[in-house]
Amino acid sequence: MMRLPVLMLALLALLGLGGCDKYNQVDNSGTVKTPYVLFIGGYAGTLHKTNEALYFNTLFPTDNSCVRQVLVADTNVLYLKRNLYVSKDEGRSFKDCNLNAIDFIDEFYKYFYPNQMVYDKASKKVYFMSKTGIQVSTDLGETFAPETDFDPGNTAPVPGFPPTSITQLDNGKMFVMYDSSIQYVKAPGGSWREILADGTGDLPWDTTWYFASTHDTLIAIDFFGKYGVLYSTDDGATWATLNGMPKSRKFLFGNEAFGGETFYLGLDSGGLYRLNGTTFNATGAGMPWFSKVSYVEGKRVVYRTDVMRYYLFCATDQGLYISETNGLDWKLIRNGTYSTLE
C-alpha cells in the first residue's frame, strides 16, 4: 500500500530537479554589455528616448513645434525647435537657451535646414547657427555668445545675416554655409576664414544650399533639388556632382552613419538613398514611397560575449523604421511623424 505514494514522491522529486536545471540556465549571448541611446524628435514636437526600441520614454510632449535637431555634448543633451533647449539630466528637464533658431523654410509643411549644430569634441565647444549668426558655447550648451574668432585678414559675416548649416570633417575642420557665395572654414586651433569664390568650380548661386560631410569630404546639398548634391575634397575650392538622385525633389537631410561607413540622403516623397562611391542608390525598401524621409542614425549593441550588432534607424513622417541589413530593407517599429534622430 505504501509503494504508490513513495513512487509518486520520487517522480515529483525528479521532475523538480529537472525543472530547476532548465530554469537556471543563463544565455550570456543575449546579455547586453554596452547598450545604445537613441533620441527621436517628432514633427509634432515630441522627443523620445529608447535603449532597445521596445520601450520609449517621452521627454517632451506634443506641442506642434517641430524638433529639428538633437545633439549630445558630453553629458548634456541639446534639442532644437523654434528655440534651442539644453538638458543636464539626460533629458528629464530642459532649459531654454534664449536663442532664436533660423526660420523654417516653410512652416506649414515644417521644412527646415538640417545640421544647424555641431559639437567640437576637441575644444569642447558647441556651435549653433542662429538668426543672428554663429553662436558658440564653452560650457556644453548651457550658455552661448556670438562667435568673434574670425581671421582679421578676411571679411567677417554681416551681423544679422543667418547661416544655414554647419558640419565637421574627420580632420577637425568645420564649415559654415551662409549661402552659395558665402562659406567659412575653421581649422583646428585656427580662426574662421571665408572661402572666397573665384568664379571657377563654385556652387551655383540661384538656389539654397546646406552643408554635410563624410570623413574628409565636404558635401553641399541643394535643398530644392535643382542642382542635386555636390562634393569637394579641397575644402570647398572646387565641386563635383554626386549622381543617382531624382531631380526637383526636396532633399530633407544628408548625414553619415556608423562613423562615416555609410552616407544617407532623404527626400520628401522621393525615398532614401545611400552613397556608393560617387553615386547614390535607392535603399528604402519597406518604407512607403511617399514618406518624408528626415534622418538616419546608426547604433551599435555590444553583448556580454563581445558580439556586436548594428542597427540603422530612420525617421519619417510615416513612422520610425529599423534596419539590420545596412539599409537594404526596413521594418516599422513605431508609428508617428518623426523629424530627426541622435
Protein backbone atom coordinates (compact mmCIF):
# COMPACT_ATOMS: atom_id res chain seq x y z
CA MET A 1 0.00 0.00 0.00
CA MET A 2 2.95 2.33 0.53
CA ARG A 3 4.58 1.69 -2.82
CA LEU A 4 2.39 4.07 -4.87
CA PRO A 5 2.88 7.21 -2.68
CA VAL A 6 6.62 6.54 -2.46
CA LEU A 7 6.85 6.15 -6.23
CA MET A 8 4.90 9.36 -6.82
CA LEU A 9 7.19 11.30 -4.46
CA ALA A 10 10.23 10.00 -6.30
CA LEU A 11 8.80 11.06 -9.66
CA LEU A 12 7.93 14.52 -8.35
CA ALA A 13 11.45 14.94 -6.98
CA LEU A 14 12.96 14.02 -10.35
CA LEU A 15 10.66 16.45 -12.20
CA GLY A 16 11.53 19.17 -9.74
CA LEU A 17 15.25 18.66 -10.22
CA GLY A 18 14.87 18.67 -13.99
CA GLY A 19 12.79 21.87 -13.84
CA CYS A 20 15.38 23.65 -11.71
CA ASP A 21 18.21 22.78 -14.11
CA LYS A 22 16.30 24.18 -17.06
CA TYR A 23 15.14 27.33 -15.25
CA ASN A 24 18.61 28.30 -14.04
CA GLN A 25 20.29 28.21 -17.45
CA VAL A 26 21.73 31.64 -18.40
CA ASP A 27 22.25 32.68 -22.03
CA ASN A 28 25.17 35.13 -21.86
CA SER A 29 24.99 35.69 -25.60
CA GLY A 30 21.81 37.70 -25.13
CA THR A 31 23.05 39.83 -22.23
CA VAL A 32 23.80 43.41 -23.29
CA LYS A 33 27.10 44.84 -22.06
CA THR A 34 27.04 48.17 -23.93
CA PRO A 35 23.56 49.41 -24.92
CA TYR A 36 22.80 52.33 -27.22
CA VAL A 37 20.84 55.51 -26.54
CA LEU A 38 18.58 56.80 -29.30
CA PHE A 39 16.80 60.16 -29.19
CA ILE A 40 13.83 60.59 -31.54
CA GLY A 41 12.42 64.03 -32.38
CA GLY A 42 9.00 64.47 -33.92
CA TYR A 43 7.29 66.81 -36.36
CA ALA A 44 4.62 67.34 -33.68
CA GLY A 45 7.24 68.43 -31.13
CA THR A 46 7.64 65.16 -29.23
CA LEU A 47 11.02 63.95 -28.01
CA HIS A 48 11.53 60.28 -27.10
CA LYS A 49 14.42 58.20 -25.82
CA THR A 50 14.99 54.44 -26.05
CA ASN A 51 17.73 51.88 -25.37
CA GLU A 52 16.25 48.83 -27.11
CA ALA A 53 13.49 50.09 -29.44
CA LEU A 54 10.82 48.37 -27.34
CA TYR A 55 10.10 50.94 -24.64
CA PHE A 56 10.18 54.67 -25.34
CA ASN A 57 10.47 57.36 -22.68
CA THR A 58 8.73 60.62 -23.57
CA LEU A 59 10.98 63.56 -22.71
CA PHE A 60 8.83 66.24 -24.32
CA PRO A 61 5.13 66.02 -25.22
CA THR A 62 3.31 67.17 -28.34
CA ASP A 63 3.32 70.95 -28.78
CA ASN A 64 3.30 71.17 -32.63
CA SER A 65 6.75 72.80 -32.72
CA CYS A 66 8.88 70.52 -34.91
CA VAL A 67 12.12 69.11 -33.42
CA ARG A 68 14.82 69.96 -35.98
CA GLN A 69 17.94 68.54 -34.36
CA VAL A 70 19.13 66.72 -31.24
CA LEU A 71 22.78 66.98 -30.18
CA VAL A 72 24.65 65.24 -27.36
CA ALA A 73 27.58 67.24 -25.94
CA ASP A 74 29.33 65.03 -23.37
CA THR A 75 26.65 64.64 -20.67
CA ASN A 76 24.36 67.41 -21.94
CA VAL A 77 21.53 66.99 -24.44
CA LEU A 78 20.52 69.88 -26.70
CA TYR A 79 17.45 69.93 -28.86
CA LEU A 80 16.37 72.49 -31.40
CA LYS A 81 12.80 73.50 -32.11
CA ARG A 82 11.86 77.13 -32.74
CA ASN A 83 14.26 77.83 -29.89
CA LEU A 84 17.23 75.88 -28.53
CA TYR A 85 16.99 73.92 -25.25
CA VAL A 86 19.58 72.13 -23.10
CA SER A 87 19.30 69.35 -20.50
CA LYS A 88 21.87 68.41 -17.84
CA ASP A 89 19.99 65.34 -16.58
CA GLU A 90 19.69 63.13 -19.69
CA GLY A 91 16.51 64.79 -20.87
CA ARG A 92 14.40 64.73 -17.72
CA SER A 93 14.27 68.55 -17.68
CA PHE A 94 15.25 71.23 -20.19
CA LYS A 95 16.25 74.88 -20.04
CA ASP A 96 15.61 77.44 -22.78
CA CYS A 97 18.92 78.80 -24.12
CA ASN A 98 17.13 82.01 -25.22
CA LEU A 99 18.41 81.74 -28.78
CA ASN A 100 16.16 82.03 -31.80
CA ALA A 101 16.73 79.42 -34.49
CA ILE A 102 16.76 80.14 -38.19
CA ASP A 103 13.23 80.44 -39.58
CA PHE A 104 11.57 77.42 -41.15
CA ILE A 105 11.80 77.26 -44.93
CA ASP A 106 8.07 76.51 -44.94
CA GLU A 107 6.44 76.39 -41.52
CA PHE A 108 3.19 74.88 -42.80
CA TYR A 109 4.98 71.81 -44.18
CA LYS A 110 7.65 72.07 -41.44
CA TYR A 111 10.55 72.18 -43.86
CA PHE A 112 13.80 73.18 -42.18
CA TYR A 113 17.54 73.25 -42.78
CA PRO A 114 19.29 70.32 -41.06
CA ASN A 115 22.75 70.39 -39.46
CA GLN A 116 22.41 73.63 -37.51
CA MET A 117 24.56 72.45 -34.56
CA VAL A 118 27.95 70.80 -34.12
CA TYR A 119 29.80 69.69 -31.01
CA ASP A 120 33.56 70.02 -31.45
CA LYS A 121 34.89 67.38 -29.04
CA ALA A 122 38.49 68.58 -29.26
CA SER A 123 37.71 72.08 -27.98
CA LYS A 124 34.54 71.05 -26.08
CA LYS A 125 32.60 73.81 -27.83
CA VAL A 126 29.08 73.73 -29.22
CA TYR A 127 28.42 75.78 -32.36
CA PHE A 128 24.87 76.83 -33.20
CA MET A 129 23.57 78.59 -36.30
CA SER A 130 21.11 81.27 -35.14
CA LYS A 131 19.17 84.08 -36.76
CA THR A 132 21.93 86.50 -35.78
CA GLY A 133 24.89 84.37 -36.86
CA ILE A 134 27.20 81.78 -35.32
CA GLN A 135 26.76 81.28 -31.57
CA VAL A 136 29.34 79.37 -29.55
CA SER A 137 29.18 77.70 -26.12
CA THR A 138 32.15 76.73 -23.96
CA ASP A 139 30.02 75.04 -21.25
CA LEU A 140 28.38 72.25 -23.29
CA GLY A 141 25.44 74.34 -24.43
CA GLU A 142 24.36 75.92 -21.16
CA THR A 143 25.24 79.47 -22.30
CA PHE A 144 26.09 80.93 -25.70
CA ALA A 145 27.83 84.03 -27.03
CA PRO A 146 28.27 85.41 -30.57
CA GLU A 147 31.33 84.00 -32.32
CA THR A 148 34.10 86.59 -32.68
CA ASP A 149 37.03 84.38 -33.72
CA PHE A 150 37.31 85.48 -37.35
CA ASP A 151 40.58 85.79 -39.23
CA PRO A 152 41.44 89.52 -39.36
CA GLY A 153 42.63 89.10 -42.94
CA ASN A 154 39.15 88.01 -44.06
CA THR A 155 35.76 89.65 -44.18
CA ALA A 156 33.62 88.71 -41.16
CA PRO A 157 29.98 87.78 -41.84
CA VAL A 158 27.47 90.62 -41.93
CA PRO A 159 25.78 90.86 -38.49
CA GLY A 160 22.23 89.55 -38.55
CA PHE A 161 22.79 87.52 -41.71
CA PRO A 162 21.92 83.93 -40.70
CA PRO A 163 23.97 80.90 -41.73
CA THR A 164 22.04 77.82 -42.84
CA SER A 165 24.22 74.96 -41.57
CA ILE A 166 27.48 73.68 -40.12
CA THR A 167 29.43 70.44 -40.49
CA GLN A 168 32.74 68.97 -39.27
CA LEU A 169 35.14 66.67 -41.11
CA ASP A 170 37.11 63.83 -39.55
CA ASN A 171 40.22 66.05 -39.68
CA GLY A 172 38.53 68.54 -37.35
CA LYS A 173 37.84 71.28 -39.90
CA MET A 174 34.42 72.93 -39.59
CA PHE A 175 32.49 74.54 -42.42
CA VAL A 176 29.60 77.01 -42.23
CA MET A 177 27.24 77.73 -45.12
CA TYR A 178 25.65 81.17 -45.36
CA ASP A 179 24.57 80.98 -48.98
CA SER A 180 26.02 79.76 -52.27
CA SER A 181 28.58 82.57 -52.39
CA ILE A 182 29.48 82.86 -48.70
CA GLN A 183 31.05 79.97 -46.78
CA TYR A 184 33.54 79.86 -43.92
CA VAL A 185 36.06 77.27 -42.75
CA LYS A 186 37.78 76.85 -39.38
CA ALA A 187 40.77 74.54 -38.96
CA PRO A 188 41.60 73.07 -35.52
CA GLY A 189 43.26 75.78 -33.46
CA GLY A 190 42.63 78.39 -36.16
CA SER A 191 40.13 81.18 -36.81
CA TRP A 192 37.19 81.28 -39.18
CA ARG A 193 38.14 82.41 -42.69
CA GLU A 194 35.99 82.94 -45.74
CA ILE A 195 36.15 80.52 -48.67
CA LEU A 196 36.49 83.05 -51.46
CA ALA A 197 34.55 82.42 -54.67
CA ASP A 198 36.79 82.67 -57.73
CA GLY A 199 34.25 82.02 -60.47
CA THR A 200 35.69 78.58 -61.23
CA GLY A 201 34.06 75.48 -59.80
CA ASP A 202 31.90 77.49 -57.35
CA LEU A 203 28.45 76.42 -56.20
CA PRO A 204 25.59 77.73 -58.38
CA TRP A 205 24.15 80.86 -56.81
CA ASP A 206 20.46 80.59 -57.76
CA THR A 207 19.31 78.10 -55.11
CA THR A 208 19.69 77.32 -51.39
CA TRP A 209 22.42 75.03 -50.05
CA TYR A 210 23.30 73.39 -46.77
CA PHE A 211 26.45 71.56 -45.68
CA ALA A 212 27.00 67.92 -44.72
CA SER A 213 30.11 65.73 -44.79
CA THR A 214 31.53 62.23 -44.74
CA HIS A 215 35.06 61.56 -43.49
CA ASP A 216 37.15 64.40 -45.02
CA THR A 217 34.80 65.05 -47.93
CA LEU A 218 32.66 68.19 -47.79
CA ILE A 219 29.15 67.84 -49.23
CA ALA A 220 26.82 70.62 -50.38
CA ILE A 221 23.14 69.73 -50.77
CA ASP A 222 20.67 71.81 -52.75
CA PHE A 223 17.56 71.75 -50.56
CA PHE A 224 15.23 72.24 -53.54
CA GLY A 225 16.98 69.62 -55.65
CA LYS A 226 17.70 71.84 -58.64
CA TYR A 227 21.41 71.01 -58.73
CA GLY A 228 21.33 67.89 -56.59
CA VAL A 229 24.30 67.09 -54.36
CA LEU A 230 27.92 68.20 -54.90
CA TYR A 231 31.12 67.23 -53.13
CA SER A 232 34.54 68.76 -52.56
CA THR A 233 37.84 67.22 -51.49
CA ASP A 234 39.73 70.54 -51.42
CA ASP A 235 37.84 72.40 -48.66
CA GLY A 236 35.22 73.87 -50.98
CA ALA A 237 37.57 75.35 -53.58
CA THR A 238 36.05 73.18 -56.34
CA TRP A 239 32.96 70.99 -56.57
CA ALA A 240 31.89 67.89 -58.49
CA THR A 241 28.49 66.18 -58.82
CA LEU A 242 27.25 63.09 -56.98
CA ASN A 243 24.88 61.15 -59.22
CA GLY A 244 21.85 58.93 -58.88
CA MET A 245 19.13 61.09 -57.28
CA PRO A 246 15.81 62.11 -58.84
CA LYS A 247 15.53 65.73 -59.91
CA SER A 248 13.42 68.54 -58.42
CA ARG A 249 12.77 66.84 -55.09
CA LYS A 250 13.38 68.48 -51.75
CA PHE A 251 16.46 66.98 -50.08
CA LEU A 252 15.50 66.97 -46.41
CA PHE A 253 18.77 65.70 -44.93
CA GLY A 254 22.18 64.24 -45.66
CA ASN A 255 24.25 62.58 -42.94
CA GLU A 256 26.70 59.77 -42.33
CA ALA A 257 26.13 56.77 -40.08
CA PHE A 258 28.50 54.46 -38.18
CA GLY A 259 31.40 56.90 -38.25
CA GLY A 260 31.21 57.57 -41.96
CA GLU A 261 30.90 53.97 -43.16
CA THR A 262 27.74 55.00 -44.99
CA PHE A 263 26.18 58.31 -46.07
CA TYR A 264 22.42 58.68 -46.50
CA LEU A 265 20.21 61.21 -48.22
CA GLY A 266 16.47 61.57 -47.55
CA LEU A 267 13.88 63.13 -49.85
CA ASP A 268 10.39 64.48 -49.50
CA SER A 269 8.17 61.84 -51.15
CA GLY A 270 11.18 60.52 -53.01
CA GLY A 271 12.72 57.82 -50.85
CA LEU A 272 16.00 57.14 -49.09
CA TYR A 273 19.37 56.94 -50.86
CA ARG A 274 22.79 55.60 -49.86
CA LEU A 275 26.08 56.84 -51.30
CA ASN A 276 28.28 54.25 -53.03
CA GLY A 277 31.44 55.88 -54.39
CA THR A 278 30.15 58.94 -56.22
CA THR A 279 26.65 57.57 -56.94
CA PHE A 280 23.54 57.39 -54.79
CA ASN A 281 21.42 54.22 -54.87
CA ALA A 282 17.84 53.85 -53.61
CA THR A 283 17.73 51.92 -50.34
CA GLY A 284 14.27 52.46 -48.86
CA ALA A 285 12.67 49.03 -49.32
CA GLY A 286 9.90 48.58 -46.76
CA MET A 287 9.02 52.28 -46.46
CA PRO A 288 6.06 53.89 -48.24
CA TRP A 289 7.27 55.63 -51.41
CA PHE A 290 5.53 58.85 -50.35
CA SER A 291 7.37 59.10 -47.00
CA LYS A 292 9.02 62.31 -45.90
CA VAL A 293 12.40 60.79 -45.01
CA SER A 294 14.07 63.01 -42.43
CA TYR A 295 17.10 61.33 -40.83
CA VAL A 296 19.14 58.13 -40.48
CA GLU A 297 21.11 57.19 -37.36
CA GLY A 298 23.30 54.14 -36.73
CA LYS A 299 23.61 52.41 -33.34
CA ARG A 300 25.70 49.50 -32.02
CA VAL A 301 24.96 46.99 -29.26
CA VAL A 302 27.76 45.00 -27.59
CA TYR A 303 26.77 41.77 -25.85
CA ARG A 304 28.47 40.03 -22.92
CA THR A 305 30.25 37.70 -25.33
CA ASP A 306 31.65 40.78 -27.15
CA VAL A 307 29.41 40.02 -30.12
CA MET A 308 28.29 43.28 -31.75
CA ARG A 309 25.09 44.01 -33.65
CA TYR A 310 24.45 47.08 -35.75
CA TYR A 311 21.14 48.80 -36.31
CA LEU A 312 20.05 51.68 -38.53
CA PHE A 313 17.07 53.81 -37.58
CA CYS A 314 15.20 56.07 -39.98
CA ALA A 315 12.85 58.91 -39.03
CA THR A 316 9.95 59.51 -41.41
CA ASP A 317 6.53 61.12 -41.27
CA GLN A 318 5.11 57.59 -41.64
CA GLY A 319 6.84 56.21 -38.54
CA LEU A 320 10.18 55.12 -37.11
CA TYR A 321 11.89 52.35 -39.10
CA ILE A 322 14.74 49.95 -38.27
CA SER A 323 17.17 48.02 -40.48
CA GLU A 324 19.59 45.24 -39.57
CA THR A 325 20.84 44.93 -43.17
CA ASN A 326 22.69 48.25 -43.52
CA GLY A 327 19.61 49.87 -45.02
CA LEU A 328 18.79 47.25 -47.65
CA ASP A 329 15.34 46.76 -46.10
CA TRP A 330 13.38 48.40 -43.29
CA LYS A 331 10.72 47.46 -40.73
CA LEU A 332 8.29 49.80 -38.99
CA ILE A 333 8.81 49.74 -35.20
CA ARG A 334 6.82 52.78 -34.03
CA ASN A 335 4.01 54.82 -35.54
CA GLY A 336 4.28 58.59 -35.58
CA THR A 337 5.70 61.54 -37.52
CA TYR A 338 9.41 61.78 -36.79
CA SER A 339 11.79 64.51 -37.93
CA THR A 340 15.26 63.78 -36.55
CA LEU A 341 17.41 61.32 -34.59
CA GLU A 342 20.55 61.31 -32.46
